[in-house]
């Protein structure tokens, strides 16, 4: 595959990744919103996360990277999300707010950008390593 074709494929995968992320964020909020009306908010948050994570995994697998599900890519995606939450979202945000004294609302913007980019790169690696199809070439 030519370098240009590979670059275009990666750009298309990133666009799909962003669409999936936006869609799953909406799913998370909708589930939370309706569940919160009938159960405590702590359970509603968990329910929204679980439903959106499931949708995210399936959409990322079948649409973003156009491959099949496996134990390896499911585990990789789970670890990626935990890394993203703990290191990028909480860690980097704390650094920007507490050490660099950036406003907490403003600091979240670069955190979201770095979070999306790092997640895409990690997940592309995970899905490439767990599948021998042409998604990485």
C-alpha atoms as a PDB file:
ATOM      1  CA  UNK A   1       0.000   0.000   0.000  1.00  0.00           C
ATOM      2  CA  UNK A   2       1.276   3.452  -0.862  1.00  0.00           C
ATOM      3  CA  UNK A   3       2.181   5.889   1.921  1.00  0.00           C
ATOM      4  CA  UNK A   4      -0.547   8.293   0.756  1.00  0.00           C
ATOM      5  CA  UNK A   5      -3.182   5.534   0.898  1.00  0.00           C
ATOM      6  CA  UNK A   6      -2.056   4.598   4.421  1.00  0.00           C
ATOM      7  CA  UNK A   7      -2.253   8.235   5.527  1.00  0.00           C
ATOM      8  CA  UNK A   8      -5.748   8.633   4.068  1.00  0.00           C
ATOM      9  CA  UNK A   9      -6.864   5.400   5.746  1.00  0.00           C
ATOM     10  CA  UNK A  10      -5.538   6.622   9.106  1.00  0.00           C
ATOM     11  CA  UNK A  11      -7.308   9.979   8.686  1.00  0.00           C
ATOM     12  CA  UNK A  12     -10.565   8.183   7.852  1.00  0.00           C
ATOM     13  CA  UNK A  13     -10.131   5.941  10.904  1.00  0.00           C
ATOM     14  CA  UNK A  14      -9.546   9.009  13.095  1.00  0.00           C
ATOM     15  CA  UNK A  15     -12.689  10.714  11.753  1.00  0.00           C
ATOM     16  CA  UNK A  16     -14.674   7.544  12.451  1.00  0.00           C
ATOM     17  CA  UNK A  17     -13.062   7.340  15.904  1.00  0.00           C
ATOM     18  CA  UNK A  18     -14.245  10.893  16.692  1.00  0.00           C
ATOM     19  CA  UNK A  19     -17.772  10.152  15.444  1.00  0.00           C
ATOM     20  CA  UNK A  20     -17.899   6.995  17.579  1.00  0.00           C
ATOM     21  CA  UNK A  21     -16.616   8.938  20.594  1.00  0.00           C
ATOM     22  CA  UNK A  22     -19.259  11.638  20.169  1.00  0.00           C
ATOM     23  CA  UNK A  23     -22.003   9.084  19.642  1.00  0.00           C
ATOM     24  CA  UNK A  24     -21.000   7.082  22.711  1.00  0.00           C
ATOM     25  CA  UNK A  25     -20.785  10.214  24.841  1.00  0.00           C
ATOM     26  CA  UNK A  26     -24.365  10.975  23.803  1.00  0.00           C
ATOM     27  CA  UNK A  27     -25.415   7.380  24.590  1.00  0.00           C
ATOM     28  CA  UNK A  28     -23.734   7.668  28.004  1.00  0.00           C
ATOM     29  CA  UNK A  29     -25.609  10.880  28.801  1.00  0.00           C
ATOM     30  CA  UNK A  30     -28.998   9.636  27.548  1.00  0.00           C
ATOM     31  CA  UNK A  31     -28.768   6.427  29.603  1.00  0.00           C
ATOM     32  CA  UNK A  32     -27.639   8.432  32.647  1.00  0.00           C
ATOM     33  CA  UNK A  33     -30.425  10.991  32.182  1.00  0.00           C
ATOM     34  CA  UNK A  34     -33.259   8.460  32.012  1.00  0.00           C
ATOM     35  CA  UNK A  35     -31.812   6.035  34.564  1.00  0.00           C
ATOM     36  CA  UNK A  36     -31.215   8.895  36.993  1.00  0.00           C
ATOM     37  CA  UNK A  37     -34.958   9.505  37.062  1.00  0.00           C
ATOM     38  CA  UNK A  38     -35.589   6.069  38.596  1.00  0.00           C
ATOM     39  CA  UNK A  39     -32.362   4.957  40.331  1.00  0.00           C
ATOM     40  CA  UNK A  40     -29.669   6.741  42.406  1.00  0.00           C
ATOM     41  CA  UNK A  41     -27.270   8.804  40.285  1.00  0.00           C
ATOM     42  CA  UNK A  42     -24.276   6.627  41.227  1.00  0.00           C
ATOM     43  CA  UNK A  43     -25.937   3.628  39.567  1.00  0.00           C
ATOM     44  CA  UNK A  44     -27.114   5.762  36.668  1.00  0.00           C
ATOM     45  CA  UNK A  45     -23.514   6.855  35.990  1.00  0.00           C
ATOM     46  CA  UNK A  46     -22.326   3.258  36.082  1.00  0.00           C
ATOM     47  CA  UNK A  47     -25.159   2.132  33.811  1.00  0.00           C
ATOM     48  CA  UNK A  48     -24.411   4.896  31.305  1.00  0.00           C
ATOM     49  CA  UNK A  49     -20.709   4.033  31.328  1.00  0.00           C
ATOM     50  CA  UNK A  50     -21.315   0.317  30.787  1.00  0.00           C
ATOM     51  CA  UNK A  51     -23.808   0.794  27.956  1.00  0.00           C
ATOM     52  CA  UNK A  52     -21.650   3.401  26.207  1.00  0.00           C
ATOM     53  CA  UNK A  53     -18.494   1.316  26.671  1.00  0.00           C
ATOM     54  CA  UNK A  54     -20.207  -1.660  25.031  1.00  0.00           C
ATOM     55  CA  UNK A  55     -21.404   0.478  22.145  1.00  0.00           C
ATOM     56  CA  UNK A  56     -17.960   2.084  21.881  1.00  0.00           C
ATOM     57  CA  UNK A  57     -16.237  -1.290  21.707  1.00  0.00           C
ATOM     58  CA  UNK A  58     -18.549  -2.637  19.006  1.00  0.00           C
ATOM     59  CA  UNK A  59     -18.498   0.538  16.900  1.00  0.00           C
ATOM     60  CA  UNK A  60     -14.723   0.903  17.243  1.00  0.00           C
ATOM     61  CA  UNK A  61     -14.195  -2.721  16.281  1.00  0.00           C
ATOM     62  CA  UNK A  62     -16.608  -3.057  13.378  1.00  0.00           C
ATOM     63  CA  UNK A  63     -16.731   0.489  11.983  1.00  0.00           C
ATOM     64  CA  UNK A  64     -13.640   2.470  12.987  1.00  0.00           C
ATOM     65  CA  UNK A  65     -11.055  -0.269  12.422  1.00  0.00           C
ATOM     66  CA  UNK A  66     -13.296  -2.629  10.403  1.00  0.00           C
ATOM     67  CA  UNK A  67     -12.149  -5.795  12.107  1.00  0.00           C
ATOM     68  CA  UNK A  68     -13.627  -8.434  14.396  1.00  0.00           C
ATOM     69  CA  UNK A  69     -13.976  -8.674  18.147  1.00  0.00           C
ATOM     70  CA  UNK A  70     -11.449 -10.623  20.176  1.00  0.00           C
ATOM     71  CA  UNK A  71     -10.437 -11.055  23.790  1.00  0.00           C
ATOM     72  CA  UNK A  72      -7.183  -9.226  23.003  1.00  0.00           C
ATOM     73  CA  UNK A  73      -8.725  -6.094  21.543  1.00  0.00           C
ATOM     74  CA  UNK A  74     -11.426  -6.020  24.244  1.00  0.00           C
ATOM     75  CA  UNK A  75      -8.771  -6.203  26.976  1.00  0.00           C
ATOM     76  CA  UNK A  76      -6.655  -3.631  25.127  1.00  0.00           C
ATOM     77  CA  UNK A  77      -9.581  -1.240  24.842  1.00  0.00           C
ATOM     78  CA  UNK A  78     -10.428  -1.677  28.523  1.00  0.00           C
ATOM     79  CA  UNK A  79      -6.823  -0.961  29.556  1.00  0.00           C
ATOM     80  CA  UNK A  80      -6.699   2.007  27.173  1.00  0.00           C
ATOM     81  CA  UNK A  81      -9.830   3.516  28.726  1.00  0.00           C
ATOM     82  CA  UNK A  82      -8.477   3.043  32.249  1.00  0.00           C
ATOM     83  CA  UNK A  83      -5.098   4.543  31.273  1.00  0.00           C
ATOM     84  CA  UNK A  84      -6.885   7.424  29.610  1.00  0.00           C
ATOM     85  CA  UNK A  85      -9.033   8.083  32.668  1.00  0.00           C
ATOM     86  CA  UNK A  86      -6.308   7.792  35.309  1.00  0.00           C
ATOM     87  CA  UNK A  87      -3.205   9.136  33.566  1.00  0.00           C
ATOM     88  CA  UNK A  88      -4.517  11.549  30.947  1.00  0.00           C
ATOM     89  CA  UNK A  89      -7.804  12.833  32.301  1.00  0.00           C
ATOM     90  CA  UNK A  90      -7.145  12.859  36.043  1.00  0.00           C
ATOM     91  CA  UNK A  91      -3.332  13.063  36.046  1.00  0.00           C
ATOM     92  CA  UNK A  92      -2.782  15.641  33.326  1.00  0.00           C
ATOM     93  CA  UNK A  93      -5.757  17.690  34.453  1.00  0.00           C
ATOM     94  CA  UNK A  94      -4.403  17.755  38.010  1.00  0.00           C
ATOM     95  CA  UNK A  95      -0.992  18.817  36.711  1.00  0.00           C
ATOM     96  CA  UNK A  96      -2.448  21.647  34.637  1.00  0.00           C
ATOM     97  CA  UNK A  97      -4.687  22.892  37.448  1.00  0.00           C
ATOM     98  CA  UNK A  98      -2.531  22.356  40.544  1.00  0.00           C
ATOM     99  CA  UNK A  99       1.013  22.832  39.233  1.00  0.00           C
ATOM    100  CA  UNK A 100       0.581  25.169  36.272  1.00  0.00           C
ATOM    101  CA  UNK A 101      -2.421  26.980  37.824  1.00  0.00           C
ATOM    102  CA  UNK A 102      -4.521  26.891  34.665  1.00  0.00           C
ATOM    103  CA  UNK A 103      -8.245  27.487  35.129  1.00  0.00           C
ATOM    104  CA  UNK A 104     -10.013  24.128  35.564  1.00  0.00           C
ATOM    105  CA  UNK A 105     -12.450  24.780  32.725  1.00  0.00           C
ATOM    106  CA  UNK A 106      -9.741  25.944  30.344  1.00  0.00           C
ATOM    107  CA  UNK A 107      -7.385  23.114  31.338  1.00  0.00           C
ATOM    108  CA  UNK A 108      -9.934  20.512  30.295  1.00  0.00           C
ATOM    109  CA  UNK A 109      -9.720  21.544  26.619  1.00  0.00           C
ATOM    110  CA  UNK A 110      -6.132  20.379  25.956  1.00  0.00           C
ATOM    111  CA  UNK A 111      -6.793  17.345  28.151  1.00  0.00           C
ATOM    112  CA  UNK A 112      -9.680  16.301  25.895  1.00  0.00           C
ATOM    113  CA  UNK A 113      -7.557  16.787  22.776  1.00  0.00           C
ATOM    114  CA  UNK A 114      -4.618  14.820  24.189  1.00  0.00           C
ATOM    115  CA  UNK A 115      -7.034  12.196  25.478  1.00  0.00           C
ATOM    116  CA  UNK A 116      -8.621  11.690  22.057  1.00  0.00           C
ATOM    117  CA  UNK A 117      -5.304  11.574  20.203  1.00  0.00           C
ATOM    118  CA  UNK A 118      -3.622   9.214  22.664  1.00  0.00           C
ATOM    119  CA  UNK A 119      -6.659   6.922  22.750  1.00  0.00           C
ATOM    120  CA  UNK A 120      -6.747   6.743  18.963  1.00  0.00           C
ATOM    121  CA  UNK A 121      -3.046   5.887  18.719  1.00  0.00           C
ATOM    122  CA  UNK A 122      -3.236   3.286  21.486  1.00  0.00           C
ATOM    123  CA  UNK A 123      -6.383   1.690  20.084  1.00  0.00           C
ATOM    124  CA  UNK A 124      -4.992   1.633  16.551  1.00  0.00           C
ATOM    125  CA  UNK A 125      -1.979  -0.238  17.933  1.00  0.00           C
ATOM    126  CA  UNK A 126      -4.223  -2.603  19.950  1.00  0.00           C
ATOM    127  CA  UNK A 127      -6.477  -3.400  17.014  1.00  0.00           C
ATOM    128  CA  UNK A 128      -3.505  -3.799  14.644  1.00  0.00           C
ATOM    129  CA  UNK A 129      -1.721  -6.186  17.007  1.00  0.00           C
ATOM    130  CA  UNK A 130      -4.820  -8.277  17.720  1.00  0.00           C
ATOM    131  CA  UNK A 131      -5.840  -8.697  14.089  1.00  0.00           C
ATOM    132  CA  UNK A 132      -3.851  -9.688  11.052  1.00  0.00           C
ATOM    133  CA  UNK A 133      -6.123  -7.916   8.552  1.00  0.00           C
ATOM    134  CA  UNK A 134      -5.068  -4.962   6.440  1.00  0.00           C
ATOM    135  CA  UNK A 135      -6.250  -2.260   8.870  1.00  0.00           C
ATOM    136  CA  UNK A 136      -2.685  -1.243   9.621  1.00  0.00           C
ATOM    137  CA  UNK A 137      -1.184  -1.284   6.179  1.00  0.00           C
END
